[in-house]
Amino acid sequence: MNELLNERLELAASEEVDQGRLSKWKEEWSLKFQAESENPAAENETRHAEGKKTRLNVFLRYAAVFTALILGIGIYSISIRKNKSAQPDALELVQRNPLGRHSSFSLADGTKVYLGPGSALSYSADFSGNKREVILKGEAYFEVTKNREKPFMIYTENLRTQVLGTTFKVSSFQGSPILVSVTSGKVRVDRLADGEAQELAVLNPGEQVSYNQHSGAQKSSFNIENVKNWKQGQLIFDGTPLLELTNQISRWYNVSINISSESLKQIPITVTLDGNMPVYQFLDGLSASFGFNYKIKDQVITIY
């Protein structure tokens, strides 16, 4: 219980709590607890039972633990409800990568961002408020500078990823599930709807969550080194259908890739590619290994 309570309170510590709702909630629980403790039947049983004093002490100890746990969960729940879902209205700066280009840069708080091709990050010049908020379109790896006073929040479509200080990757492209993968620290992912934040997952290192509107949230494990290496331009695929692989390659190299048949699109590919080499070099390797041909004309690649 202590571990659960600490985890929830740590993640809720930076949230704004509605004091009015919290006071009302505490009053309700106090009345419930008082009614139970003053129950005549329970009092009579305690009075006549052997070892009255010992049992009463045990009861009080458990009551204290239970009250603390309920209070902690209550504060956490109320803070989640209080936190509104609206994204920041306007952020001063935007770093935008065209297709075929990836970059790395630091934010005002020292957080390091590795931004992928075809991606954009909006952020504040100085994070002067009580939160560090950014808006991501595309994919990026974050090495967040720890600051318990100012939580770091990434908004992607209708999800919000919140951290205090950790490393993780977020991918959010139109038409694909949003994916949050944690390589160190702890991350909370919320779904934002109807003015409230609904928790989808709390992630530890080696855990990721995938979300789309149709299938909801799916939590799974992954290889941490694979995600870490992405920021250096290494593209790692593990049983990935060729169609999905080529979607990533298209963004990385700013090319259009057409696959001639449905059967080819579903070929599972397990390979590690250096995203800094010319596109034709690893296409040579892929075609030799998986039995397909390709041709390049201008910026269009056809696989057949």
C-alpha atoms as a PDB file:
ATOM      1  CA  MET A   1       0.000   0.000   0.000  1.00  0.00           C
ATOM      2  CA  ASN A   2       2.862   2.338   0.832  1.00  0.00           C
ATOM      3  CA  GLU A   3       4.461   1.800  -2.587  1.00  0.00           C
ATOM      4  CA  LEU A   4       1.166   2.434  -4.361  1.00  0.00           C
ATOM      5  CA  LEU A   5       0.449   5.527  -2.301  1.00  0.00           C
ATOM      6  CA  ASN A   6       3.915   7.003  -2.848  1.00  0.00           C
ATOM      7  CA  GLU A   7       3.681   6.433  -6.597  1.00  0.00           C
ATOM      8  CA  ARG A   8       0.304   8.134  -6.867  1.00  0.00           C
ATOM      9  CA  LEU A   9       1.198  11.040  -4.622  1.00  0.00           C
ATOM     10  CA  GLU A  10       4.493  11.655  -6.446  1.00  0.00           C
ATOM     11  CA  LEU A  11       2.698  11.933  -9.762  1.00  0.00           C
ATOM     12  CA  ALA A  12      -0.093  14.065  -8.280  1.00  0.00           C
ATOM     13  CA  ALA A  13       2.159  16.328  -6.225  1.00  0.00           C
ATOM     14  CA  SER A  14       2.455  18.932  -8.947  1.00  0.00           C
ATOM     15  CA  GLU A  15      -1.246  19.023  -9.797  1.00  0.00           C
ATOM     16  CA  GLU A  16      -3.627  21.707  -8.630  1.00  0.00           C
ATOM     17  CA  VAL A  17      -6.032  20.392  -5.982  1.00  0.00           C
ATOM     18  CA  ASP A  18      -9.575  21.706  -5.577  1.00  0.00           C
ATOM     19  CA  GLN A  19      -9.508  22.514  -1.838  1.00  0.00           C
ATOM     20  CA  GLY A  20     -13.285  22.818  -1.585  1.00  0.00           C
ATOM     21  CA  ARG A  21     -13.898  19.382  -3.033  1.00  0.00           C
ATOM     22  CA  LEU A  22     -11.094  17.920  -0.958  1.00  0.00           C
ATOM     23  CA  SER A  23     -12.533  19.331   2.315  1.00  0.00           C
ATOM     24  CA  LYS A  24     -15.968  17.975   1.491  1.00  0.00           C
ATOM     25  CA  TRP A  25     -14.526  14.595   0.605  1.00  0.00           C
ATOM     26  CA  LYS A  26     -12.520  14.420   3.883  1.00  0.00           C
ATOM     27  CA  GLU A  27     -15.619  15.364   5.893  1.00  0.00           C
ATOM     28  CA  GLU A  28     -17.656  12.582   4.268  1.00  0.00           C
ATOM     29  CA  TRP A  29     -14.996   9.957   5.004  1.00  0.00           C
ATOM     30  CA  SER A  30     -14.582  11.212   8.570  1.00  0.00           C
ATOM     31  CA  LEU A  31     -18.305  10.747   9.225  1.00  0.00           C
ATOM     32  CA  LYS A  32     -18.233   7.247   7.716  1.00  0.00           C
ATOM     33  CA  PHE A  33     -15.244   6.240   9.790  1.00  0.00           C
ATOM     34  CA  GLN A  34     -16.741   7.694  12.994  1.00  0.00           C
ATOM     35  CA  ALA A  35     -20.001   5.814  12.431  1.00  0.00           C
ATOM     36  CA  GLU A  36     -18.146   2.521  12.010  1.00  0.00           C
ATOM     37  CA  SER A  37     -15.944   3.039  15.083  1.00  0.00           C
ATOM     38  CA  GLU A  38     -18.932   3.935  17.282  1.00  0.00           C
ATOM     39  CA  ASN A  39     -21.005   0.930  16.186  1.00  0.00           C
ATOM     40  CA  PRO A  40     -22.453  -0.568  19.436  1.00  0.00           C
ATOM     41  CA  ALA A  41     -22.073  -4.150  18.291  1.00  0.00           C
ATOM     42  CA  ALA A  42     -18.416  -3.651  17.453  1.00  0.00           C
ATOM     43  CA  GLU A  43     -17.844  -1.847  20.760  1.00  0.00           C
ATOM     44  CA  ASN A  44     -19.513  -4.655  22.767  1.00  0.00           C
ATOM     45  CA  GLU A  45     -17.486  -7.310  20.975  1.00  0.00           C
ATOM     46  CA  THR A  46     -14.252  -5.446  21.674  1.00  0.00           C
ATOM     47  CA  ARG A  47     -15.157  -4.896  25.358  1.00  0.00           C
ATOM     48  CA  HIS A  48     -15.820  -8.565  26.113  1.00  0.00           C
ATOM     49  CA  ALA A  49     -13.208 -10.136  23.916  1.00  0.00           C
ATOM     50  CA  GLU A  50     -10.007 -11.465  25.427  1.00  0.00           C
ATOM     51  CA  GLY A  51      -7.102  -9.065  25.056  1.00  0.00           C
ATOM     52  CA  LYS A  52      -9.294  -5.978  24.703  1.00  0.00           C
ATOM     53  CA  LYS A  53      -6.458  -3.440  24.892  1.00  0.00           C
ATOM     54  CA  THR A  54      -4.275  -5.223  22.347  1.00  0.00           C
ATOM     55  CA  ARG A  55      -7.092  -5.598  19.850  1.00  0.00           C
ATOM     56  CA  LEU A  56      -8.062  -1.963  20.220  1.00  0.00           C
ATOM     57  CA  ASN A  57      -4.468  -0.843  19.534  1.00  0.00           C
ATOM     58  CA  VAL A  58      -4.312  -3.060  16.461  1.00  0.00           C
ATOM     59  CA  PHE A  59      -7.629  -1.662  15.287  1.00  0.00           C
ATOM     60  CA  LEU A  60      -6.407   1.896  15.684  1.00  0.00           C
ATOM     61  CA  ARG A  61      -3.177   1.165  13.821  1.00  0.00           C
ATOM     62  CA  TYR A  62      -5.058  -0.330  10.896  1.00  0.00           C
ATOM     63  CA  ALA A  63      -7.490   2.584  10.998  1.00  0.00           C
ATOM     64  CA  ALA A  64      -4.602   5.051  10.723  1.00  0.00           C
ATOM     65  CA  VAL A  65      -3.101   3.214   7.742  1.00  0.00           C
ATOM     66  CA  PHE A  66      -6.491   2.942   6.050  1.00  0.00           C
ATOM     67  CA  THR A  67      -7.262   6.627   6.630  1.00  0.00           C
ATOM     68  CA  ALA A  68      -3.875   7.694   5.208  1.00  0.00           C
ATOM     69  CA  LEU A  69      -4.345   5.488   2.158  1.00  0.00           C
ATOM     70  CA  ILE A  70      -7.861   6.768   1.482  1.00  0.00           C
ATOM     71  CA  LEU A  71      -6.759  10.375   2.000  1.00  0.00           C
ATOM     72  CA  GLY A  72      -3.832   9.952  -0.394  1.00  0.00           C
ATOM     73  CA  ILE A  73      -5.953   8.355  -3.104  1.00  0.00           C
ATOM     74  CA  GLY A  74      -8.565  11.048  -2.580  1.00  0.00           C
ATOM     75  CA  ILE A  75      -6.051  13.859  -3.062  1.00  0.00           C
ATOM     76  CA  TYR A  76      -4.705  12.120  -6.166  1.00  0.00           C
ATOM     77  CA  SER A  77      -8.178  11.584  -7.662  1.00  0.00           C
ATOM     78  CA  ILE A  78      -9.311  15.120  -6.962  1.00  0.00           C
ATOM     79  CA  SER A  79      -6.129  16.578  -8.457  1.00  0.00           C
ATOM     80  CA  ILE A  80      -6.681  14.543 -11.623  1.00  0.00           C
ATOM     81  CA  ARG A  81     -10.261  15.785 -11.949  1.00  0.00           C
ATOM     82  CA  LYS A  82      -9.218  19.353 -11.274  1.00  0.00           C
ATOM     83  CA  ASN A  83      -6.522  19.356 -13.950  1.00  0.00           C
ATOM     84  CA  LYS A  84      -8.165  20.585 -17.145  1.00  0.00           C
ATOM     85  CA  SER A  85      -7.434  18.983 -20.485  1.00  0.00           C
ATOM     86  CA  ALA A  86      -6.997  22.044 -22.670  1.00  0.00           C
ATOM     87  CA  GLN A  87      -3.665  22.302 -24.441  1.00  0.00           C
ATOM     88  CA  PRO A  88      -1.643  25.515 -24.068  1.00  0.00           C
ATOM     89  CA  ASP A  89      -3.229  28.281 -26.133  1.00  0.00           C
ATOM     90  CA  ALA A  90       0.029  29.529 -27.653  1.00  0.00           C
ATOM     91  CA  LEU A  91       3.707  28.709 -27.293  1.00  0.00           C
ATOM     92  CA  GLU A  92       6.331  31.132 -28.498  1.00  0.00           C
ATOM     93  CA  LEU A  93       8.778  28.881 -30.340  1.00  0.00           C
ATOM     94  CA  VAL A  94       8.461  26.085 -32.882  1.00  0.00           C
ATOM     95  CA  GLN A  95      11.187  23.708 -34.057  1.00  0.00           C
ATOM     96  CA  ARG A  96      10.090  22.089 -37.302  1.00  0.00           C
ATOM     97  CA  ASN A  97      11.881  19.309 -39.176  1.00  0.00           C
ATOM     98  CA  PRO A  98      11.017  18.661 -42.824  1.00  0.00           C
ATOM     99  CA  LEU A  99      10.939  15.108 -44.140  1.00  0.00           C
ATOM    100  CA  GLY A 100      14.445  13.745 -44.488  1.00  0.00           C
ATOM    101  CA  ARG A 101      15.895  15.764 -41.583  1.00  0.00           C
ATOM    102  CA  HIS A 102      16.318  15.024 -37.879  1.00  0.00           C
ATOM    103  CA  SER A 103      17.783  17.343 -35.261  1.00  0.00           C
ATOM    104  CA  SER A 104      18.655  17.743 -31.588  1.00  0.00           C
ATOM    105  CA  PHE A 105      18.451  20.842 -29.396  1.00  0.00           C
ATOM    106  CA  SER A 106      18.047  21.925 -25.772  1.00  0.00           C
ATOM    107  CA  LEU A 107      15.128  23.730 -24.146  1.00  0.00           C
ATOM    108  CA  ALA A 108      15.433  26.579 -21.632  1.00  0.00           C
ATOM    109  CA  ASP A 109      15.404  24.197 -18.636  1.00  0.00           C
ATOM    110  CA  GLY A 110      18.212  22.041 -20.053  1.00  0.00           C
ATOM    111  CA  THR A 111      15.939  19.298 -21.388  1.00  0.00           C
ATOM    112  CA  LYS A 112      17.453  17.679 -24.504  1.00  0.00           C
ATOM    113  CA  VAL A 113      15.147  16.936 -27.432  1.00  0.00           C
ATOM    114  CA  TYR A 114      15.903  14.648 -30.385  1.00  0.00           C
ATOM    115  CA  LEU A 115      13.284  15.530 -32.998  1.00  0.00           C
ATOM    116  CA  GLY A 116      12.539  13.119 -35.837  1.00  0.00           C
ATOM    117  CA  PRO A 117      11.900  13.791 -39.530  1.00  0.00           C
ATOM    118  CA  GLY A 118       8.542  15.296 -40.452  1.00  0.00           C
ATOM    119  CA  SER A 119       8.022  16.409 -36.834  1.00  0.00           C
ATOM    120  CA  ALA A 120       7.425  19.687 -35.006  1.00  0.00           C
ATOM    121  CA  LEU A 121       7.739  20.757 -31.369  1.00  0.00           C
ATOM    122  CA  SER A 122       6.131  23.908 -29.949  1.00  0.00           C
ATOM    123  CA  TYR A 123       7.556  25.157 -26.651  1.00  0.00           C
ATOM    124  CA  SER A 124       8.037  28.199 -24.414  1.00  0.00           C
ATOM    125  CA  ALA A 125      11.131  30.350 -24.490  1.00  0.00           C
ATOM    126  CA  ASP A 126      11.661  30.289 -20.710  1.00  0.00           C
ATOM    127  CA  PHE A 127       8.996  28.031 -19.043  1.00  0.00           C
ATOM    128  CA  SER A 128       8.079  30.920 -16.755  1.00  0.00           C
ATOM    129  CA  GLY A 129       4.844  29.351 -15.470  1.00  0.00           C
ATOM    130  CA  ASN A 130       4.370  26.516 -12.969  1.00  0.00           C
ATOM    131  CA  LYS A 131       4.507  23.866 -15.713  1.00  0.00           C
ATOM    132  CA  ARG A 132       6.817  23.069 -18.595  1.00  0.00           C
ATOM    133  CA  GLU A 133       4.481  22.407 -21.511  1.00  0.00           C
ATOM    134  CA  VAL A 134       5.267  21.431 -25.095  1.00  0.00           C
ATOM    135  CA  ILE A 135       3.162  20.303 -28.048  1.00  0.00           C
ATOM    136  CA  LEU A 136       4.509  17.520 -30.273  1.00  0.00           C
ATOM    137  CA  LYS A 137       3.449  16.567 -33.776  1.00  0.00           C
ATOM    138  CA  GLY A 138       5.484  13.601 -34.988  1.00  0.00           C
ATOM    139  CA  GLU A 139       8.121  11.846 -32.914  1.00  0.00           C
ATOM    140  CA  ALA A 140      10.834  12.856 -30.479  1.00  0.00           C
ATOM    141  CA  TYR A 141      13.056  11.451 -27.740  1.00  0.00           C
ATOM    142  CA  PHE A 142      13.235  13.532 -24.556  1.00  0.00           C
ATOM    143  CA  GLU A 143      15.893  13.690 -21.848  1.00  0.00           C
ATOM    144  CA  VAL A 144      13.996  15.764 -19.291  1.00  0.00           C
ATOM    145  CA  THR A 145      15.801  17.825 -16.660  1.00  0.00           C
ATOM    146  CA  LYS A 146      14.354  16.986 -13.250  1.00  0.00           C
ATOM    147  CA  ASN A 147      12.334  19.713 -11.522  1.00  0.00           C
ATOM    148  CA  ARG A 148       9.673  18.630  -9.016  1.00  0.00           C
ATOM    149  CA  GLU A 149       8.309  22.179  -8.853  1.00  0.00           C
ATOM    150  CA  LYS A 150       7.572  22.257 -12.593  1.00  0.00           C
ATOM    151  CA  PRO A 151       6.289  19.039 -14.178  1.00  0.00           C
ATOM    152  CA  PHE A 152       7.113  18.497 -17.851  1.00  0.00           C
ATOM    153  CA  MET A 153       4.055  17.841 -20.040  1.00  0.00           C
ATOM    154  CA  ILE A 154       3.932  16.767 -23.682  1.00  0.00           C
ATOM    155  CA  TYR A 155       0.651  17.169 -25.544  1.00  0.00           C
ATOM    156  CA  THR A 156      -0.018  14.923 -28.554  1.00  0.00           C
ATOM    157  CA  GLU A 157      -3.493  15.059 -30.070  1.00  0.00           C
ATOM    158  CA  ASN A 158      -5.783  14.024 -27.178  1.00  0.00           C
ATOM    159  CA  LEU A 159      -3.084  12.567 -24.935  1.00  0.00           C
ATOM    160  CA  ARG A 160      -0.839  14.185 -22.332  1.00  0.00           C
ATOM    161  CA  THR A 161       2.408  12.641 -21.128  1.00  0.00           C
ATOM    162  CA  GLN A 162       3.630  13.966 -17.764  1.00  0.00           C
ATOM    163  CA  VAL A 163       7.056  13.496 -16.180  1.00  0.00           C
ATOM    164  CA  LEU A 164       9.220  15.028 -13.461  1.00  0.00           C
ATOM    165  CA  GLY A 165      12.624  14.010 -14.834  1.00  0.00           C
ATOM    166  CA  THR A 166      13.218  11.011 -17.089  1.00  0.00           C
ATOM    167  CA  THR A 167      14.018   9.809 -20.635  1.00  0.00           C
ATOM    168  CA  PHE A 168      11.423   8.534 -23.067  1.00  0.00           C
ATOM    169  CA  LYS A 169      10.208   8.632 -26.685  1.00  0.00           C
ATOM    170  CA  VAL A 170       6.840   9.791 -28.007  1.00  0.00           C
ATOM    171  CA  SER A 171       5.544   9.048 -31.502  1.00  0.00           C
ATOM    172  CA  SER A 172       2.346  10.638 -32.808  1.00  0.00           C
ATOM    173  CA  PHE A 173       1.664  10.662 -36.545  1.00  0.00           C
ATOM    174  CA  GLN A 174      -1.745  11.102 -38.140  1.00  0.00           C
ATOM    175  CA  GLY A 175      -3.285   7.730 -38.994  1.00  0.00           C
ATOM    176  CA  SER A 176      -1.008   5.794 -36.605  1.00  0.00           C
ATOM    177  CA  PRO A 177      -1.391   4.952 -32.894  1.00  0.00           C
ATOM    178  CA  ILE A 178       0.285   7.269 -30.382  1.00  0.00           C
ATOM    179  CA  LEU A 179       3.200   5.449 -28.739  1.00  0.00           C
ATOM    180  CA  VAL A 180       4.974   6.422 -25.492  1.00  0.00           C
ATOM    181  CA  SER A 181       8.088   4.389 -24.564  1.00  0.00           C
ATOM    182  CA  VAL A 182      10.003   4.948 -21.301  1.00  0.00           C
ATOM    183  CA  THR A 183      13.758   4.275 -21.040  1.00  0.00           C
ATOM    184  CA  SER A 184      14.307   5.658 -17.511  1.00  0.00           C
ATOM    185  CA  GLY A 185      12.287   7.167 -14.677  1.00  0.00           C
ATOM    186  CA  LYS A 186       8.498   7.142 -14.543  1.00  0.00           C
ATOM    187  CA  VAL A 187       5.853   8.609 -16.844  1.00  0.00           C
ATOM    188  CA  ARG A 188       2.093   9.048 -16.590  1.00  0.00           C
ATOM    189  CA  VAL A 189      -0.022   9.081 -19.744  1.00  0.00           C
ATOM    190  CA  ASP A 190      -3.502  10.641 -19.610  1.00  0.00           C
ATOM    191  CA  ARG A 191      -6.333  10.781 -22.098  1.00  0.00           C
ATOM    192  CA  LEU A 192      -7.815  14.268 -22.276  1.00  0.00           C
ATOM    193  CA  ALA A 193     -11.583  14.525 -22.744  1.00  0.00           C
ATOM    194  CA  ASP A 194     -14.522  16.593 -21.514  1.00  0.00           C
ATOM    195  CA  GLY A 195     -12.325  18.950 -19.532  1.00  0.00           C
ATOM    196  CA  GLU A 196     -10.745  16.176 -17.461  1.00  0.00           C
ATOM    197  CA  ALA A 197      -7.665  13.947 -17.528  1.00  0.00           C
ATOM    198  CA  GLN A 198      -8.266  10.181 -17.465  1.00  0.00           C
ATOM    199  CA  GLU A 199      -5.225   8.063 -16.629  1.00  0.00           C
ATOM    200  CA  LEU A 200      -4.307   5.479 -19.252  1.00  0.00           C
ATOM    201  CA  ALA A 201      -1.038   4.163 -17.820  1.00  0.00           C
ATOM    202  CA  VAL A 202       1.849   4.760 -15.440  1.00  0.00           C
ATOM    203  CA  LEU A 203       5.004   3.542 -17.188  1.00  0.00           C
ATOM    204  CA  ASN A 204       8.316   2.339 -15.760  1.00  0.00           C
ATOM    205  CA  PRO A 205      11.539   1.729 -17.736  1.00  0.00           C
ATOM    206  CA  GLY A 206      11.051  -0.853 -20.494  1.00  0.00           C
ATOM    207  CA  GLU A 207       7.281  -0.259 -20.643  1.00  0.00           C
ATOM    208  CA  GLN A 208       5.309   1.467 -23.376  1.00  0.00           C
ATOM    209  CA  VAL A 209       1.692   2.250 -24.145  1.00  0.00           C
ATOM    210  CA  SER A 210       0.076   2.424 -27.574  1.00  0.00           C
ATOM    211  CA  TYR A 211      -3.215   4.288 -27.964  1.00  0.00           C
ATOM    212  CA  ASN A 212      -5.790   4.927 -30.651  1.00  0.00           C
ATOM    213  CA  GLN A 213      -9.457   5.854 -30.425  1.00  0.00           C
ATOM    214  CA  HIS A 214     -10.727   2.519 -31.713  1.00  0.00           C
ATOM    215  CA  SER A 215      -8.762  -0.058 -29.710  1.00  0.00           C
ATOM    216  CA  GLY A 216      -7.921   2.112 -26.679  1.00  0.00           C
ATOM    217  CA  ALA A 217      -4.672   1.726 -24.728  1.00  0.00           C
ATOM    218  CA  GLN A 218      -2.376  -1.307 -24.983  1.00  0.00           C
ATOM    219  CA  LYS A 219       0.534  -1.624 -22.557  1.00  0.00           C
ATOM    220  CA  SER A 220       3.593  -3.745 -23.457  1.00  0.00           C
ATOM    221  CA  SER A 221       7.342  -4.127 -22.934  1.00  0.00           C
ATOM    222  CA  PHE A 222      10.149  -3.224 -25.364  1.00  0.00           C
ATOM    223  CA  ASN A 223      13.939  -3.250 -25.751  1.00  0.00           C
ATOM    224  CA  ILE A 224      15.251  -0.066 -24.125  1.00  0.00           C
ATOM    225  CA  GLU A 225      18.458   0.029 -26.203  1.00  0.00           C
ATOM    226  CA  ASN A 226      16.467   0.007 -29.440  1.00  0.00           C
ATOM    227  CA  VAL A 227      14.710   3.237 -28.487  1.00  0.00           C
ATOM    228  CA  LYS A 228      17.884   4.854 -27.134  1.00  0.00           C
ATOM    229  CA  ASN A 229      19.689   4.147 -30.402  1.00  0.00           C
ATOM    230  CA  TRP A 230      16.942   5.838 -32.417  1.00  0.00           C
ATOM    231  CA  LYS A 231      18.204   9.263 -31.346  1.00  0.00           C
ATOM    232  CA  GLN A 232      21.539   8.438 -33.029  1.00  0.00           C
ATOM    233  CA  GLY A 233      19.822   7.638 -36.324  1.00  0.00           C
ATOM    234  CA  GLN A 234      19.582   3.868 -35.898  1.00  0.00           C
ATOM    235  CA  LEU A 235      16.332   2.361 -37.195  1.00  0.00           C
ATOM    236  CA  ILE A 236      15.489  -0.974 -35.591  1.00  0.00           C
ATOM    237  CA  PHE A 237      12.667  -3.184 -36.839  1.00  0.00           C
ATOM    238  CA  ASP A 238      11.553  -6.395 -35.147  1.00  0.00           C
ATOM    239  CA  GLY A 239       9.030  -8.377 -37.185  1.00  0.00           C
ATOM    240  CA  THR A 240       7.726  -5.120 -38.667  1.00  0.00           C
ATOM    241  CA  PRO A 241       5.561  -5.458 -41.822  1.00  0.00           C
ATOM    242  CA  LEU A 242       7.331  -4.045 -44.872  1.00  0.00           C
ATOM    243  CA  LEU A 243       4.569  -1.456 -45.361  1.00  0.00           C
ATOM    244  CA  GLU A 244       5.094  -0.033 -41.854  1.00  0.00           C
ATOM    245  CA  LEU A 245       8.864  -0.068 -42.336  1.00  0.00           C
ATOM    246  CA  THR A 246       8.609   1.873 -45.596  1.00  0.00           C
ATOM    247  CA  ASN A 247       6.355   4.486 -43.930  1.00  0.00           C
ATOM    248  CA  GLN A 248       9.205   5.271 -41.538  1.00  0.00           C
ATOM    249  CA  ILE A 249      11.806   5.186 -44.300  1.00  0.00           C
ATOM    250  CA  SER A 250       9.694   7.633 -46.338  1.00  0.00           C
ATOM    251  CA  ARG A 251       9.819  10.194 -43.526  1.00  0.00           C
ATOM    252  CA  TRP A 252      13.488   9.590 -42.789  1.00  0.00           C
ATOM    253  CA  TYR A 253      14.643  10.088 -46.401  1.00  0.00           C
ATOM    254  CA  ASN A 254      11.880  12.278 -47.825  1.00  0.00           C
ATOM    255  CA  VAL A 255      10.982   9.774 -50.509  1.00  0.00           C
ATOM    256  CA  SER A 256       7.735   8.199 -51.677  1.00  0.00           C
ATOM    257  CA  ILE A 257       7.662   4.381 -51.567  1.00  0.00           C
ATOM    258  CA  ASN A 258       5.110   2.278 -53.442  1.00  0.00           C
ATOM    259  CA  ILE A 259       4.726  -1.479 -52.914  1.00  0.00           C
ATOM    260  CA  SER A 260       3.223  -3.339 -55.869  1.00  0.00           C
ATOM    261  CA  SER A 261       1.432  -6.215 -54.093  1.00  0.00           C
ATOM    262  CA  GLU A 262      -0.444  -6.850 -50.840  1.00  0.00           C
ATOM    263  CA  SER A 263       1.646  -9.933 -50.078  1.00  0.00           C
ATOM    264  CA  LEU A 264       4.859  -7.889 -50.164  1.00  0.00           C
ATOM    265  CA  LYS A 265       3.360  -5.289 -47.827  1.00  0.00           C
ATOM    266  CA  GLN A 266       2.946  -7.875 -45.082  1.00  0.00           C
ATOM    267  CA  ILE A 267       6.460  -9.414 -45.181  1.00  0.00           C
ATOM    268  CA  PRO A 268       7.784  -9.271 -41.582  1.00  0.00           C
ATOM    269  CA  ILE A 269      11.173  -7.534 -41.438  1.00  0.00           C
ATOM    270  CA  THR A 270      13.697  -7.865 -38.614  1.00  0.00           C
ATOM    271  CA  VAL A 271      16.683  -5.650 -39.291  1.00  0.00           C
ATOM    272  CA  THR A 272      18.805  -2.829 -37.885  1.00  0.00           C
ATOM    273  CA  LEU A 273      19.469   0.016 -40.312  1.00  0.00           C
ATOM    274  CA  ASP A 274      21.783   2.989 -40.132  1.00  0.00           C
ATOM    275  CA  GLY A 275      19.558   5.920 -40.994  1.00  0.00           C
ATOM    276  CA  ASN A 276      22.583   7.972 -42.006  1.00  0.00           C
ATOM    277  CA  MET A 277      23.541   5.766 -44.976  1.00  0.00           C
ATOM    278  CA  PRO A 278      22.158   6.369 -48.505  1.00  0.00           C
ATOM    279  CA  VAL A 279      18.710   4.873 -49.002  1.00  0.00           C
ATOM    280  CA  TYR A 280      19.800   2.625 -51.893  1.00  0.00           C
ATOM    281  CA  GLN A 281      22.412   0.866 -49.737  1.00  0.00           C
ATOM    282  CA  PHE A 282      20.004  -0.685 -47.279  1.00  0.00           C
ATOM    283  CA  LEU A 283      17.400  -1.263 -50.009  1.00  0.00           C
ATOM    284  CA  ASP A 284      20.054  -3.404 -51.692  1.00  0.00           C
ATOM    285  CA  GLY A 285      20.440  -5.406 -48.479  1.00  0.00           C
ATOM    286  CA  LEU A 286      16.702  -5.714 -47.848  1.00  0.00           C
ATOM    287  CA  SER A 287      15.907  -6.801 -51.399  1.00  0.00           C
ATOM    288  CA  ALA A 288      18.628  -9.465 -51.331  1.00  0.00           C
ATOM    289  CA  SER A 289      17.524 -10.787 -47.936  1.00  0.00           C
ATOM    290  CA  PHE A 290      13.762 -10.774 -48.436  1.00  0.00           C
ATOM    291  CA  GLY A 291      13.426 -11.523 -52.144  1.00  0.00           C
ATOM    292  CA  PHE A 292      12.005  -8.403 -53.730  1.00  0.00           C
ATOM    293  CA  ASN A 293      13.206  -5.911 -56.344  1.00  0.00           C
ATOM    294  CA  TYR A 294      13.072  -2.129 -56.398  1.00  0.00           C
ATOM    295  CA  LYS A 295      13.684   0.818 -58.667  1.00  0.00           C
ATOM    296  CA  ILE A 296      14.257   4.499 -57.950  1.00  0.00           C
ATOM    297  CA  LYS A 297      13.112   7.363 -60.145  1.00  0.00           C
ATOM    298  CA  ASP A 298      13.583  10.867 -58.801  1.00  0.00           C
ATOM    299  CA  GLN A 299      12.185  10.736 -55.238  1.00  0.00           C
ATOM    300  CA  VAL A 300       9.889   7.758 -55.876  1.00  0.00           C
ATOM    301  CA  ILE A 301      10.831   4.162 -54.957  1.00  0.00           C
ATOM    302  CA  THR A 302       8.813   1.227 -56.291  1.00  0.00           C
ATOM    303  CA  ILE A 303       9.124  -2.182 -54.636  1.00  0.00           C
ATOM    304  CA  TYR A 304       7.936  -5.184 -56.704  1.00  0.00           C
END
